[in-house]
Amino acid sequence: MTANPIQPTIPLDGQGKQHGFLRLPYSRNDSAWGSVMIPITVIANGEGPVALLTGGNHGDEYEGPIALQQLAWEIDPADVTGRIIIVPYMNYPAFRAGARVSPIDQVNLNRAFPGRPDGTVSQKIAHYFNDVLVPMADVVLDYHSGGKTLDFLPYAAAHYLDDKRQQAACVDAVKAFGAPYSMMMLEIDSVGMFDTAVESQGKVFVTTELGGGGTATARSAEIAIRGARNLLRHSGILAGGVEPAEGAQMLDMPGGDCFHFASRDGLMHPLADLGDQVKAGQPIARIWPPDRTGIEPVDVLANRDGVIAARHFPGLVQSGDCLAVIAVFHAGEA
């Protein structure tokens, strides 16, 4: 079997705090024996649970990288019981390009799992996380936000799982994260996702959507930082108590009808904003023709009652773009 070529420049099982890289050989026109250098920090103190914290799975989502840079800098090993593995820029080539997918191979890392040790750069990164880092961890936090094309209510999320004990542990971790919203999340394209790879290994997994538009705000960054601290405290890895979010609400995405898609190209006219409650049949967006006046617009109607949890961010849309996601307030135990 082909071995993964990625090598850490620091020992993953060492004690104390160490900063280094995951070095992936990558021969290219401007560097014959070059490498992709993915920053990594390991903070460890004695025996205990292991947390893997990742950001930059998509390179245009910034709350995770900000939070993980802060944690890698500030956490004192003396406050740790166990081990924290921090990778702020998981898809490093995409992060440096400010792009959702890698500019090297045009692969979406979050659809490349379990990866291949002899594949493209993104597939090698996916394989290393899937086969080396995830098996070391008890709990995994993978930050996301909307990137350049979506904007979200700030939430941490768990998925519905066949193993209800695992699902319950994930939900408890999501609530401990303490985002303003918690979500039981449906993925419309789960094949190849990091989420699926982690959950299939039986780990406690938390993901997020903390804003969007290809930037971060002071508020979204603070949610990300506080949430990671909370999760580490909840897991018994970091000293201190969990700081719950006041007035946090539980949402649910129970079916495919939560997602609303554009059926034509054009200029998007929002008719409902993030956090607005809407009724089934209510117009939530209008698409005007991009090339002429005097043509009737196309209205996008809400498929169900609920709250606008995500919206398309750029003003221009293409047929097939996701325009909005409507979630519902969670009625019972997850």
C-alpha atoms as a PDB file:
ATOM      1  CA  MET A   1       0.000   0.000   0.000  1.00  0.00           C
ATOM      2  CA  THR A   2       1.280   3.480  -0.868  1.00  0.00           C
ATOM      3  CA  ALA A   3       2.305   5.515   2.173  1.00  0.00           C
ATOM      4  CA  ASN A   4       1.086   9.071   2.536  1.00  0.00           C
ATOM      5  CA  PRO A   5       3.985  11.439   1.761  1.00  0.00           C
ATOM      6  CA  ILE A   6       2.965  14.064   4.340  1.00  0.00           C
ATOM      7  CA  GLN A   7       5.402  14.306   7.244  1.00  0.00           C
ATOM      8  CA  PRO A   8       4.991  16.426  10.394  1.00  0.00           C
ATOM      9  CA  THR A   9       7.983  18.582  11.312  1.00  0.00           C
ATOM     10  CA  ILE A  10       7.089  18.243  15.014  1.00  0.00           C
ATOM     11  CA  PRO A  11       6.265  15.100  17.006  1.00  0.00           C
ATOM     12  CA  LEU A  12       2.497  14.661  17.241  1.00  0.00           C
ATOM     13  CA  ASP A  13       2.910  12.773  20.528  1.00  0.00           C
ATOM     14  CA  GLY A  14       5.254  15.260  22.235  1.00  0.00           C
ATOM     15  CA  GLN A  15       4.517  17.173  25.427  1.00  0.00           C
ATOM     16  CA  GLY A  16       4.245  20.934  25.901  1.00  0.00           C
ATOM     17  CA  LYS A  17       3.446  23.324  23.038  1.00  0.00           C
ATOM     18  CA  GLN A  18       5.062  22.869  19.648  1.00  0.00           C
ATOM     19  CA  HIS A  19       4.498  24.745  16.386  1.00  0.00           C
ATOM     20  CA  GLY A  20       5.460  23.273  13.043  1.00  0.00           C
ATOM     21  CA  PHE A  21       4.152  22.071   9.707  1.00  0.00           C
ATOM     22  CA  LEU A  22       2.666  19.154   7.882  1.00  0.00           C
ATOM     23  CA  ARG A  23       5.063  19.039   4.939  1.00  0.00           C
ATOM     24  CA  LEU A  24       3.637  17.693   1.680  1.00  0.00           C
ATOM     25  CA  PRO A  25       6.161  17.305  -1.169  1.00  0.00           C
ATOM     26  CA  TYR A  26       4.875  19.111  -4.253  1.00  0.00           C
ATOM     27  CA  SER A  27       7.084  19.436  -7.302  1.00  0.00           C
ATOM     28  CA  ARG A  28       6.073  22.355  -9.504  1.00  0.00           C
ATOM     29  CA  ASN A  29       7.446  24.650 -12.188  1.00  0.00           C
ATOM     30  CA  ASP A  30       8.893  27.184  -9.761  1.00  0.00           C
ATOM     31  CA  SER A  31      10.177  24.687  -7.157  1.00  0.00           C
ATOM     32  CA  ALA A  32      11.323  21.281  -8.379  1.00  0.00           C
ATOM     33  CA  TRP A  33      11.612  19.827  -4.859  1.00  0.00           C
ATOM     34  CA  GLY A  34       9.035  22.120  -3.288  1.00  0.00           C
ATOM     35  CA  SER A  35       6.527  21.429  -0.547  1.00  0.00           C
ATOM     36  CA  VAL A  36       3.113  22.546   0.683  1.00  0.00           C
ATOM     37  CA  MET A  37       3.709  23.598   4.303  1.00  0.00           C
ATOM     38  CA  ILE A  38       0.504  23.310   6.364  1.00  0.00           C
ATOM     39  CA  PRO A  39       0.895  25.018   9.780  1.00  0.00           C
ATOM     40  CA  ILE A  40       0.115  22.863  12.824  1.00  0.00           C
ATOM     41  CA  THR A  41       0.299  23.305  16.593  1.00  0.00           C
ATOM     42  CA  VAL A  42       0.218  20.510  19.180  1.00  0.00           C
ATOM     43  CA  ILE A  43      -0.431  21.362  22.834  1.00  0.00           C
ATOM     44  CA  ALA A  44      -0.168  18.431  25.251  1.00  0.00           C
ATOM     45  CA  ASN A  45       0.063  17.799  28.953  1.00  0.00           C
ATOM     46  CA  GLY A  46      -0.016  14.256  30.303  1.00  0.00           C
ATOM     47  CA  GLU A  47      -2.639  11.679  29.438  1.00  0.00           C
ATOM     48  CA  GLY A  48      -6.216  12.539  28.524  1.00  0.00           C
ATOM     49  CA  PRO A  49      -8.647  13.126  25.672  1.00  0.00           C
ATOM     50  CA  VAL A  50      -7.456  14.362  22.276  1.00  0.00           C
ATOM     51  CA  ALA A  51      -9.134  17.155  20.302  1.00  0.00           C
ATOM     52  CA  LEU A  52      -8.496  17.885  16.629  1.00  0.00           C
ATOM     53  CA  LEU A  53      -9.430  21.466  15.693  1.00  0.00           C
ATOM     54  CA  THR A  54      -9.456  22.412  12.007  1.00  0.00           C
ATOM     55  CA  GLY A  55     -10.178  25.559  10.011  1.00  0.00           C
ATOM     56  CA  GLY A  56      -9.744  26.537   6.396  1.00  0.00           C
ATOM     57  CA  ASN A  57     -11.269  23.352   4.991  1.00  0.00           C
ATOM     58  CA  HIS A  58     -12.562  25.883   2.482  1.00  0.00           C
ATOM     59  CA  GLY A  59     -10.038  28.640   1.910  1.00  0.00           C
ATOM     60  CA  ASP A  60     -12.449  31.608   1.884  1.00  0.00           C
ATOM     61  CA  GLU A  61     -13.922  30.964   5.357  1.00  0.00           C
ATOM     62  CA  TYR A  62     -12.104  32.882   8.088  1.00  0.00           C
ATOM     63  CA  GLU A  63     -13.668  32.467  11.535  1.00  0.00           C
ATOM     64  CA  GLY A  64     -11.979  29.098  12.049  1.00  0.00           C
ATOM     65  CA  PRO A  65      -8.488  30.252  11.069  1.00  0.00           C
ATOM     66  CA  ILE A  66      -8.815  33.337  13.296  1.00  0.00           C
ATOM     67  CA  ALA A  67     -10.000  31.320  16.296  1.00  0.00           C
ATOM     68  CA  LEU A  68      -7.365  28.634  15.892  1.00  0.00           C
ATOM     69  CA  GLN A  69      -4.537  31.134  15.514  1.00  0.00           C
ATOM     70  CA  GLN A  70      -5.730  32.725  18.766  1.00  0.00           C
ATOM     71  CA  LEU A  71      -5.914  29.378  20.592  1.00  0.00           C
ATOM     72  CA  ALA A  72      -2.553  28.166  19.297  1.00  0.00           C
ATOM     73  CA  TRP A  73      -0.986  31.374  20.606  1.00  0.00           C
ATOM     74  CA  GLU A  74      -2.773  31.696  23.960  1.00  0.00           C
ATOM     75  CA  ILE A  75      -3.334  28.219  25.429  1.00  0.00           C
ATOM     76  CA  ASP A  76      -0.894  27.327  28.190  1.00  0.00           C
ATOM     77  CA  PRO A  77      -0.018  23.618  28.305  1.00  0.00           C
ATOM     78  CA  ALA A  78      -0.396  23.792  32.088  1.00  0.00           C
ATOM     79  CA  ASP A  79      -4.146  24.345  31.530  1.00  0.00           C
ATOM     80  CA  VAL A  80      -4.435  21.238  29.327  1.00  0.00           C
ATOM     81  CA  THR A  81      -5.152  17.635  30.278  1.00  0.00           C
ATOM     82  CA  GLY A  82      -4.596  15.522  27.199  1.00  0.00           C
ATOM     83  CA  ARG A  83      -3.788  16.866  23.748  1.00  0.00           C
ATOM     84  CA  ILE A  84      -4.994  19.545  21.319  1.00  0.00           C
ATOM     85  CA  ILE A  85      -4.036  19.319  17.639  1.00  0.00           C
ATOM     86  CA  ILE A  86      -4.672  22.632  15.875  1.00  0.00           C
ATOM     87  CA  VAL A  87      -4.625  23.074  12.089  1.00  0.00           C
ATOM     88  CA  PRO A  88      -5.861  26.597  11.229  1.00  0.00           C
ATOM     89  CA  TYR A  89      -5.475  26.214   7.440  1.00  0.00           C
ATOM     90  CA  MET A  90      -6.410  22.640   6.575  1.00  0.00           C
ATOM     91  CA  ASN A  91      -6.626  23.375   2.853  1.00  0.00           C
ATOM     92  CA  TYR A  92      -3.543  25.597   2.861  1.00  0.00           C
ATOM     93  CA  PRO A  93      -3.344  26.199  -0.925  1.00  0.00           C
ATOM     94  CA  ALA A  94      -6.994  27.316  -1.000  1.00  0.00           C
ATOM     95  CA  PHE A  95      -6.517  29.523   2.071  1.00  0.00           C
ATOM     96  CA  ARG A  96      -3.551  31.324   0.528  1.00  0.00           C
ATOM     97  CA  ALA A  97      -5.590  31.886  -2.642  1.00  0.00           C
ATOM     98  CA  GLY A  98      -8.680  33.047  -0.722  1.00  0.00           C
ATOM     99  CA  ALA A  99     -10.670  30.434  -2.656  1.00  0.00           C
ATOM    100  CA  ARG A 100     -13.147  27.726  -1.752  1.00  0.00           C
ATOM    101  CA  VAL A 101     -11.237  24.996  -3.595  1.00  0.00           C
ATOM    102  CA  SER A 102      -7.536  24.383  -4.115  1.00  0.00           C
ATOM    103  CA  PRO A 103      -5.943  26.351  -6.969  1.00  0.00           C
ATOM    104  CA  ILE A 104      -3.518  23.449  -7.456  1.00  0.00           C
ATOM    105  CA  ASP A 105      -5.978  20.709  -8.429  1.00  0.00           C
ATOM    106  CA  GLN A 106      -9.395  22.459  -8.315  1.00  0.00           C
ATOM    107  CA  VAL A 107     -10.552  19.879  -5.750  1.00  0.00           C
ATOM    108  CA  ASN A 108     -13.024  20.725  -2.989  1.00  0.00           C
ATOM    109  CA  LEU A 109     -11.250  19.241   0.048  1.00  0.00           C
ATOM    110  CA  ASN A 110     -14.580  18.758   1.809  1.00  0.00           C
ATOM    111  CA  ARG A 111     -15.677  16.365  -0.936  1.00  0.00           C
ATOM    112  CA  ALA A 112     -12.338  14.498  -1.191  1.00  0.00           C
ATOM    113  CA  PHE A 113     -12.518  12.146   1.815  1.00  0.00           C
ATOM    114  CA  PRO A 114     -11.295   9.538   2.578  1.00  0.00           C
ATOM    115  CA  GLY A 115      -8.670  10.743   0.100  1.00  0.00           C
ATOM    116  CA  ARG A 116      -5.793   8.920  -1.574  1.00  0.00           C
ATOM    117  CA  PRO A 117      -2.119   8.746  -0.586  1.00  0.00           C
ATOM    118  CA  ASP A 118      -1.173   8.673  -4.285  1.00  0.00           C
ATOM    119  CA  GLY A 119      -3.724  11.228  -5.479  1.00  0.00           C
ATOM    120  CA  THR A 120      -3.702  14.979  -6.058  1.00  0.00           C
ATOM    121  CA  VAL A 121      -2.518  17.426  -3.398  1.00  0.00           C
ATOM    122  CA  SER A 122      -6.035  17.763  -1.944  1.00  0.00           C
ATOM    123  CA  GLN A 123      -6.583  14.010  -1.958  1.00  0.00           C
ATOM    124  CA  LYS A 124      -3.284  13.489  -0.107  1.00  0.00           C
ATOM    125  CA  ILE A 125      -4.281  16.058   2.520  1.00  0.00           C
ATOM    126  CA  ALA A 126      -7.673  14.368   2.949  1.00  0.00           C
ATOM    127  CA  HIS A 127      -6.034  10.950   3.285  1.00  0.00           C
ATOM    128  CA  TYR A 128      -3.579  12.172   5.942  1.00  0.00           C
ATOM    129  CA  PHE A 129      -6.339  13.657   8.072  1.00  0.00           C
ATOM    130  CA  ASN A 130      -8.574  10.620   7.560  1.00  0.00           C
ATOM    131  CA  ASP A 131      -5.922   7.982   8.291  1.00  0.00           C
ATOM    132  CA  VAL A 132      -3.529   9.723  10.706  1.00  0.00           C
ATOM    133  CA  LEU A 133      -5.045  12.666  12.585  1.00  0.00           C
ATOM    134  CA  VAL A 134      -8.706  11.695  12.974  1.00  0.00           C
ATOM    135  CA  PRO A 135      -7.900   8.244  14.466  1.00  0.00           C
ATOM    136  CA  MET A 136      -5.857  10.023  17.171  1.00  0.00           C
ATOM    137  CA  ALA A 137      -8.793  12.226  18.217  1.00  0.00           C
ATOM    138  CA  ASP A 138     -11.749  11.754  20.548  1.00  0.00           C
ATOM    139  CA  VAL A 139     -13.466  14.980  19.491  1.00  0.00           C
ATOM    140  CA  VAL A 140     -13.169  16.917  16.223  1.00  0.00           C
ATOM    141  CA  LEU A 141     -14.213  20.519  15.554  1.00  0.00           C
ATOM    142  CA  ASP A 142     -14.214  21.644  11.910  1.00  0.00           C
ATOM    143  CA  TYR A 143     -15.063  25.313  11.395  1.00  0.00           C
ATOM    144  CA  HIS A 144     -17.069  26.533   8.423  1.00  0.00           C
ATOM    145  CA  SER A 145     -18.859  29.693   7.365  1.00  0.00           C
ATOM    146  CA  GLY A 146     -20.457  30.776   4.121  1.00  0.00           C
ATOM    147  CA  GLY A 147     -17.340  31.812   2.231  1.00  0.00           C
ATOM    148  CA  LYS A 148     -17.775  34.278  -0.591  1.00  0.00           C
ATOM    149  CA  THR A 149     -21.144  32.983  -1.784  1.00  0.00           C
ATOM    150  CA  LEU A 150     -23.289  32.340   1.323  1.00  0.00           C
ATOM    151  CA  ASP A 151     -24.125  34.010   4.619  1.00  0.00           C
ATOM    152  CA  PHE A 152     -25.442  32.140   7.666  1.00  0.00           C
ATOM    153  CA  LEU A 153     -26.967  32.685  11.051  1.00  0.00           C
ATOM    154  CA  PRO A 154     -24.107  31.814  13.430  1.00  0.00           C
ATOM    155  CA  TYR A 155     -24.623  28.197  14.457  1.00  0.00           C
ATOM    156  CA  ALA A 156     -22.806  25.074  15.559  1.00  0.00           C
ATOM    157  CA  ALA A 157     -24.207  21.850  14.147  1.00  0.00           C
ATOM    158  CA  ALA A 158     -24.547  18.126  14.604  1.00  0.00           C
ATOM    159  CA  HIS A 159     -25.951  15.551  12.190  1.00  0.00           C
ATOM    160  CA  TYR A 160     -28.568  12.863  12.551  1.00  0.00           C
ATOM    161  CA  LEU A 161     -26.648   9.596  12.975  1.00  0.00           C
ATOM    162  CA  ASP A 162     -27.616   5.926  13.047  1.00  0.00           C
ATOM    163  CA  ASP A 163     -25.716   5.545  16.333  1.00  0.00           C
ATOM    164  CA  LYS A 164     -27.949   7.514  18.703  1.00  0.00           C
ATOM    165  CA  ARG A 165     -25.411   7.466  21.546  1.00  0.00           C
ATOM    166  CA  GLN A 166     -22.838   9.051  19.241  1.00  0.00           C
ATOM    167  CA  GLN A 167     -25.456  11.527  18.026  1.00  0.00           C
ATOM    168  CA  ALA A 168     -26.326  12.484  21.605  1.00  0.00           C
ATOM    169  CA  ALA A 169     -22.638  13.067  22.412  1.00  0.00           C
ATOM    170  CA  CYS A 170     -22.321  15.283  19.321  1.00  0.00           C
ATOM    171  CA  VAL A 171     -25.431  17.267  20.288  1.00  0.00           C
ATOM    172  CA  ASP A 172     -24.106  17.786  23.819  1.00  0.00           C
ATOM    173  CA  ALA A 173     -20.826  19.061  22.336  1.00  0.00           C
ATOM    174  CA  VAL A 174     -22.693  21.405  19.976  1.00  0.00           C
ATOM    175  CA  LYS A 175     -24.696  22.857  22.865  1.00  0.00           C
ATOM    176  CA  ALA A 176     -21.502  23.274  24.894  1.00  0.00           C
ATOM    177  CA  PHE A 177     -19.913  25.197  21.989  1.00  0.00           C
ATOM    178  CA  GLY A 178     -22.458  27.859  22.784  1.00  0.00           C
ATOM    179  CA  ALA A 179     -23.163  29.535  19.453  1.00  0.00           C
ATOM    180  CA  PRO A 180     -26.252  31.766  19.293  1.00  0.00           C
ATOM    181  CA  TYR A 181     -27.937  28.928  17.368  1.00  0.00           C
ATOM    182  CA  SER A 182     -27.480  25.163  17.409  1.00  0.00           C
ATOM    183  CA  MET A 183     -28.537  23.143  14.366  1.00  0.00           C
ATOM    184  CA  MET A 184     -29.503  19.577  13.622  1.00  0.00           C
ATOM    185  CA  MET A 185     -28.143  19.753  10.109  1.00  0.00           C
ATOM    186  CA  LEU A 186     -29.062  17.973   6.898  1.00  0.00           C
ATOM    187  CA  GLU A 187     -26.349  17.806   4.241  1.00  0.00           C
ATOM    188  CA  ILE A 188     -27.577  17.707   0.645  1.00  0.00           C
ATOM    189  CA  ASP A 189     -24.192  16.429  -0.584  1.00  0.00           C
ATOM    190  CA  SER A 190     -22.517  14.397   2.182  1.00  0.00           C
ATOM    191  CA  VAL A 191     -20.433  12.065  -0.001  1.00  0.00           C
ATOM    192  CA  GLY A 192     -16.726  12.702   0.543  1.00  0.00           C
ATOM    193  CA  MET A 193     -17.227  15.186   3.382  1.00  0.00           C
ATOM    194  CA  PHE A 194     -14.820  15.458   6.305  1.00  0.00           C
ATOM    195  CA  ASP A 195     -17.923  15.333   8.532  1.00  0.00           C
ATOM    196  CA  THR A 196     -18.893  11.926   7.166  1.00  0.00           C
ATOM    197  CA  ALA A 197     -15.341  10.603   7.444  1.00  0.00           C
ATOM    198  CA  VAL A 198     -15.044  11.679  11.090  1.00  0.00           C
ATOM    199  CA  GLU A 199     -18.473  10.420  12.121  1.00  0.00           C
ATOM    200  CA  SER A 200     -17.888   7.064  10.414  1.00  0.00           C
ATOM    201  CA  GLN A 201     -14.911   6.599  12.759  1.00  0.00           C
ATOM    202  CA  GLY A 202     -17.206   7.026  15.770  1.00  0.00           C
ATOM    203  CA  LYS A 203     -15.847  10.400  16.881  1.00  0.00           C
ATOM    204  CA  VAL A 204     -17.666  13.269  18.545  1.00  0.00           C
ATOM    205  CA  PHE A 205     -17.946  15.833  15.752  1.00  0.00           C
ATOM    206  CA  VAL A 206     -18.967  19.492  15.744  1.00  0.00           C
ATOM    207  CA  THR A 207     -19.128  21.723  12.686  1.00  0.00           C
ATOM    208  CA  THR A 208     -20.189  25.340  12.327  1.00  0.00           C
ATOM    209  CA  GLU A 209     -21.541  27.964   9.994  1.00  0.00           C
ATOM    210  CA  LEU A 210     -20.578  31.313  11.512  1.00  0.00           C
ATOM    211  CA  GLY A 211     -21.356  33.984   8.951  1.00  0.00           C
ATOM    212  CA  GLY A 212     -20.036  34.404   5.445  1.00  0.00           C
ATOM    213  CA  GLY A 213     -19.445  36.779   2.604  1.00  0.00           C
ATOM    214  CA  GLY A 214     -15.765  35.884   2.428  1.00  0.00           C
ATOM    215  CA  THR A 215     -14.882  37.765   5.619  1.00  0.00           C
ATOM    216  CA  ALA A 216     -15.247  37.640   9.398  1.00  0.00           C
ATOM    217  CA  THR A 217     -16.674  40.135  11.878  1.00  0.00           C
ATOM    218  CA  ALA A 218     -15.662  40.892  15.445  1.00  0.00           C
ATOM    219  CA  ARG A 219     -18.803  39.094  16.608  1.00  0.00           C
ATOM    220  CA  SER A 220     -18.348  35.989  14.454  1.00  0.00           C
ATOM    221  CA  ALA A 221     -14.678  35.699  15.426  1.00  0.00           C
ATOM    222  CA  GLU A 222     -15.556  35.942  19.122  1.00  0.00           C
ATOM    223  CA  ILE A 223     -18.226  33.253  18.744  1.00  0.00           C
ATOM    224  CA  ALA A 224     -15.627  30.997  17.131  1.00  0.00           C
ATOM    225  CA  ILE A 225     -12.997  31.587  19.832  1.00  0.00           C
ATOM    226  CA  ARG A 226     -15.389  31.215  22.770  1.00  0.00           C
ATOM    227  CA  GLY A 227     -16.939  28.130  21.192  1.00  0.00           C
ATOM    228  CA  ALA A 228     -13.642  26.280  20.856  1.00  0.00           C
ATOM    229  CA  ARG A 229     -12.721  27.063  24.460  1.00  0.00           C
ATOM    230  CA  ASN A 230     -16.141  25.824  25.563  1.00  0.00           C
ATOM    231  CA  LEU A 231     -15.810  22.598  23.590  1.00  0.00           C
ATOM    232  CA  LEU A 232     -12.350  21.909  25.023  1.00  0.00           C
ATOM    233  CA  ARG A 233     -13.645  22.539  28.548  1.00  0.00           C
ATOM    234  CA  HIS A 234     -16.698  20.365  27.922  1.00  0.00           C
ATOM    235  CA  SER A 235     -14.378  17.579  26.751  1.00  0.00           C
ATOM    236  CA  GLY A 236     -12.235  17.789  29.892  1.00  0.00           C
ATOM    237  CA  ILE A 237      -9.160  18.968  27.969  1.00  0.00           C
ATOM    238  CA  LEU A 238      -8.966  22.656  28.940  1.00  0.00           C
ATOM    239  CA  ALA A 239      -9.296  23.981  32.479  1.00  0.00           C
ATOM    240  CA  GLY A 240     -12.242  26.214  33.291  1.00  0.00           C
ATOM    241  CA  GLY A 241     -15.999  26.199  32.984  1.00  0.00           C
ATOM    242  CA  VAL A 242     -18.192  26.338  29.911  1.00  0.00           C
ATOM    243  CA  GLU A 243     -19.568  29.811  29.147  1.00  0.00           C
ATOM    244  CA  PRO A 244     -23.087  29.244  27.788  1.00  0.00           C
ATOM    245  CA  ALA A 245     -24.579  31.567  25.212  1.00  0.00           C
ATOM    246  CA  GLU A 246     -27.554  33.494  26.561  1.00  0.00           C
ATOM    247  CA  GLY A 247     -30.774  32.874  24.679  1.00  0.00           C
ATOM    248  CA  ALA A 248     -29.296  30.183  22.398  1.00  0.00           C
ATOM    249  CA  GLN A 249     -31.890  28.568  20.130  1.00  0.00           C
ATOM    250  CA  MET A 250     -32.048  25.070  18.639  1.00  0.00           C
ATOM    251  CA  LEU A 251     -32.865  24.805  14.933  1.00  0.00           C
ATOM    252  CA  ASP A 252     -33.467  21.870  12.620  1.00  0.00           C
ATOM    253  CA  MET A 253     -33.094  21.228   8.889  1.00  0.00           C
ATOM    254  CA  PRO A 254     -35.457  18.256   8.580  1.00  0.00           C
ATOM    255  CA  GLY A 255     -35.621  17.757   4.818  1.00  0.00           C
ATOM    256  CA  GLY A 256     -34.551  18.734   1.342  1.00  0.00           C
ATOM    257  CA  ASP A 257     -37.361  21.279   1.110  1.00  0.00           C
ATOM    258  CA  CYS A 258     -35.338  23.523   3.430  1.00  0.00           C
ATOM    259  CA  PHE A 259     -33.137  24.388   0.441  1.00  0.00           C
ATOM    260  CA  HIS A 260     -34.246  26.917  -2.186  1.00  0.00           C
ATOM    261  CA  PHE A 261     -32.514  27.202  -5.569  1.00  0.00           C
ATOM    262  CA  ALA A 262     -32.474  29.710  -8.403  1.00  0.00           C
ATOM    263  CA  SER A 263     -34.137  28.544 -11.615  1.00  0.00           C
ATOM    264  CA  ARG A 264     -32.651  31.330 -13.743  1.00  0.00           C
ATOM    265  CA  ASP A 265     -29.711  33.721 -13.913  1.00  0.00           C
ATOM    266  CA  GLY A 266     -30.233  37.266 -12.779  1.00  0.00           C
ATOM    267  CA  LEU A 267     -30.156  40.010 -10.162  1.00  0.00           C
ATOM    268  CA  MET A 268     -31.245  38.791  -6.723  1.00  0.00           C
ATOM    269  CA  HIS A 269     -33.699  40.964  -4.821  1.00  0.00           C
ATOM    270  CA  PRO A 270     -33.924  39.617  -1.222  1.00  0.00           C
ATOM    271  CA  LEU A 271     -37.387  39.792   0.311  1.00  0.00           C
ATOM    272  CA  ALA A 272     -36.433  38.247   3.671  1.00  0.00           C
ATOM    273  CA  ASP A 273     -33.242  38.576   5.688  1.00  0.00           C
ATOM    274  CA  LEU A 274     -31.303  36.219   7.937  1.00  0.00           C
ATOM    275  CA  GLY A 275     -33.289  35.459  11.079  1.00  0.00           C
ATOM    276  CA  ASP A 276     -36.642  36.494   9.586  1.00  0.00           C
ATOM    277  CA  GLN A 277     -39.513  34.098  10.144  1.00  0.00           C
ATOM    278  CA  VAL A 278     -41.433  33.222   6.977  1.00  0.00           C
ATOM    279  CA  LYS A 279     -44.508  31.221   5.975  1.00  0.00           C
ATOM    280  CA  ALA A 280     -44.854  28.567   3.282  1.00  0.00           C
ATOM    281  CA  GLY A 281     -45.702  30.231  -0.041  1.00  0.00           C
ATOM    282  CA  GLN A 282     -44.287  33.591   0.996  1.00  0.00           C
ATOM    283  CA  PRO A 283     -41.909  35.211  -1.537  1.00  0.00           C
ATOM    284  CA  ILE A 284     -38.421  35.199  -0.014  1.00  0.00           C
ATOM    285  CA  ALA A 285     -36.470  36.434  -3.053  1.00  0.00           C
ATOM    286  CA  ARG A 286     -37.068  37.867  -6.507  1.00  0.00           C
ATOM    287  CA  ILE A 287     -34.816  37.385  -9.531  1.00  0.00           C
ATOM    288  CA  TRP A 288     -34.763  40.224 -12.044  1.00  0.00           C
ATOM    289  CA  PRO A 289     -33.465  39.761 -15.606  1.00  0.00           C
ATOM    290  CA  PRO A 290     -29.792  40.778 -15.848  1.00  0.00           C
ATOM    291  CA  ASP A 291     -29.970  42.127 -19.400  1.00  0.00           C
ATOM    292  CA  ARG A 292     -33.150  44.210 -19.894  1.00  0.00           C
ATOM    293  CA  THR A 293     -36.005  46.083 -18.220  1.00  0.00           C
ATOM    294  CA  GLY A 294     -39.736  45.546 -18.444  1.00  0.00           C
ATOM    295  CA  ILE A 295     -39.612  41.770 -17.933  1.00  0.00           C
ATOM    296  CA  GLU A 296     -41.567  40.204 -15.079  1.00  0.00           C
ATOM    297  CA  PRO A 297     -39.260  38.857 -12.336  1.00  0.00           C
ATOM    298  CA  VAL A 298     -39.262  35.305 -11.017  1.00  0.00           C
ATOM    299  CA  ASP A 299     -40.323  35.044  -7.379  1.00  0.00           C
ATOM    300  CA  VAL A 300     -38.835  32.330  -5.160  1.00  0.00           C
ATOM    301  CA  LEU A 301     -41.428  31.089  -2.663  1.00  0.00           C
ATOM    302  CA  ALA A 302     -40.779  29.559   0.735  1.00  0.00           C
ATOM    303  CA  ASN A 303     -41.293  25.793   0.648  1.00  0.00           C
ATOM    304  CA  ARG A 304     -42.186  25.698   4.338  1.00  0.00           C
ATOM    305  CA  ASP A 305     -42.695  27.765   7.474  1.00  0.00           C
ATOM    306  CA  GLY A 306     -39.486  28.580   9.318  1.00  0.00           C
ATOM    307  CA  VAL A 307     -36.606  31.001   9.774  1.00  0.00           C
ATOM    308  CA  ILE A 308     -34.103  32.151   7.148  1.00  0.00           C
ATOM    309  CA  ALA A 309     -30.888  30.431   8.277  1.00  0.00           C
ATOM    310  CA  ALA A 310     -28.762  31.018   5.167  1.00  0.00           C
ATOM    311  CA  ARG A 311     -28.868  33.195   2.082  1.00  0.00           C
ATOM    312  CA  HIS A 312     -26.960  33.709  -1.130  1.00  0.00           C
ATOM    313  CA  PHE A 313     -24.458  36.520  -0.616  1.00  0.00           C
ATOM    314  CA  PRO A 314     -23.495  37.996  -4.043  1.00  0.00           C
ATOM    315  CA  GLY A 315     -26.102  40.124  -5.740  1.00  0.00           C
ATOM    316  CA  LEU A 316     -25.950  38.157  -9.010  1.00  0.00           C
ATOM    317  CA  VAL A 317     -27.168  34.548  -9.125  1.00  0.00           C
ATOM    318  CA  GLN A 318     -26.913  31.719 -11.612  1.00  0.00           C
ATOM    319  CA  SER A 319     -29.451  29.002 -12.258  1.00  0.00           C
ATOM    320  CA  GLY A 320     -28.864  26.274  -9.689  1.00  0.00           C
ATOM    321  CA  ASP A 321     -27.402  28.535  -6.993  1.00  0.00           C
ATOM    322  CA  CYS A 322     -28.707  28.000  -3.476  1.00  0.00           C
ATOM    323  CA  LEU A 323     -30.611  31.193  -2.680  1.00  0.00           C
ATOM    324  CA  ALA A 324     -31.766  30.428   0.845  1.00  0.00           C
ATOM    325  CA  VAL A 325     -32.104  27.775   3.515  1.00  0.00           C
ATOM    326  CA  ILE A 326     -35.122  27.750   5.809  1.00  0.00           C
ATOM    327  CA  ALA A 327     -34.718  26.018   9.158  1.00  0.00           C
ATOM    328  CA  VAL A 328     -37.378  25.286  11.782  1.00  0.00           C
ATOM    329  CA  PHE A 329     -37.250  25.681  15.531  1.00  0.00           C
ATOM    330  CA  HIS A 330     -36.396  22.314  17.029  1.00  0.00           C
ATOM    331  CA  ALA A 331     -39.425  20.798  18.719  1.00  0.00           C
ATOM    332  CA  GLY A 332     -37.979  17.906  20.739  1.00  0.00           C
ATOM    333  CA  GLU A 333     -34.903  15.988  21.794  1.00  0.00           C
ATOM    334  CA  ALA A 334     -32.305  15.510  19.078  1.00  0.00           C
END
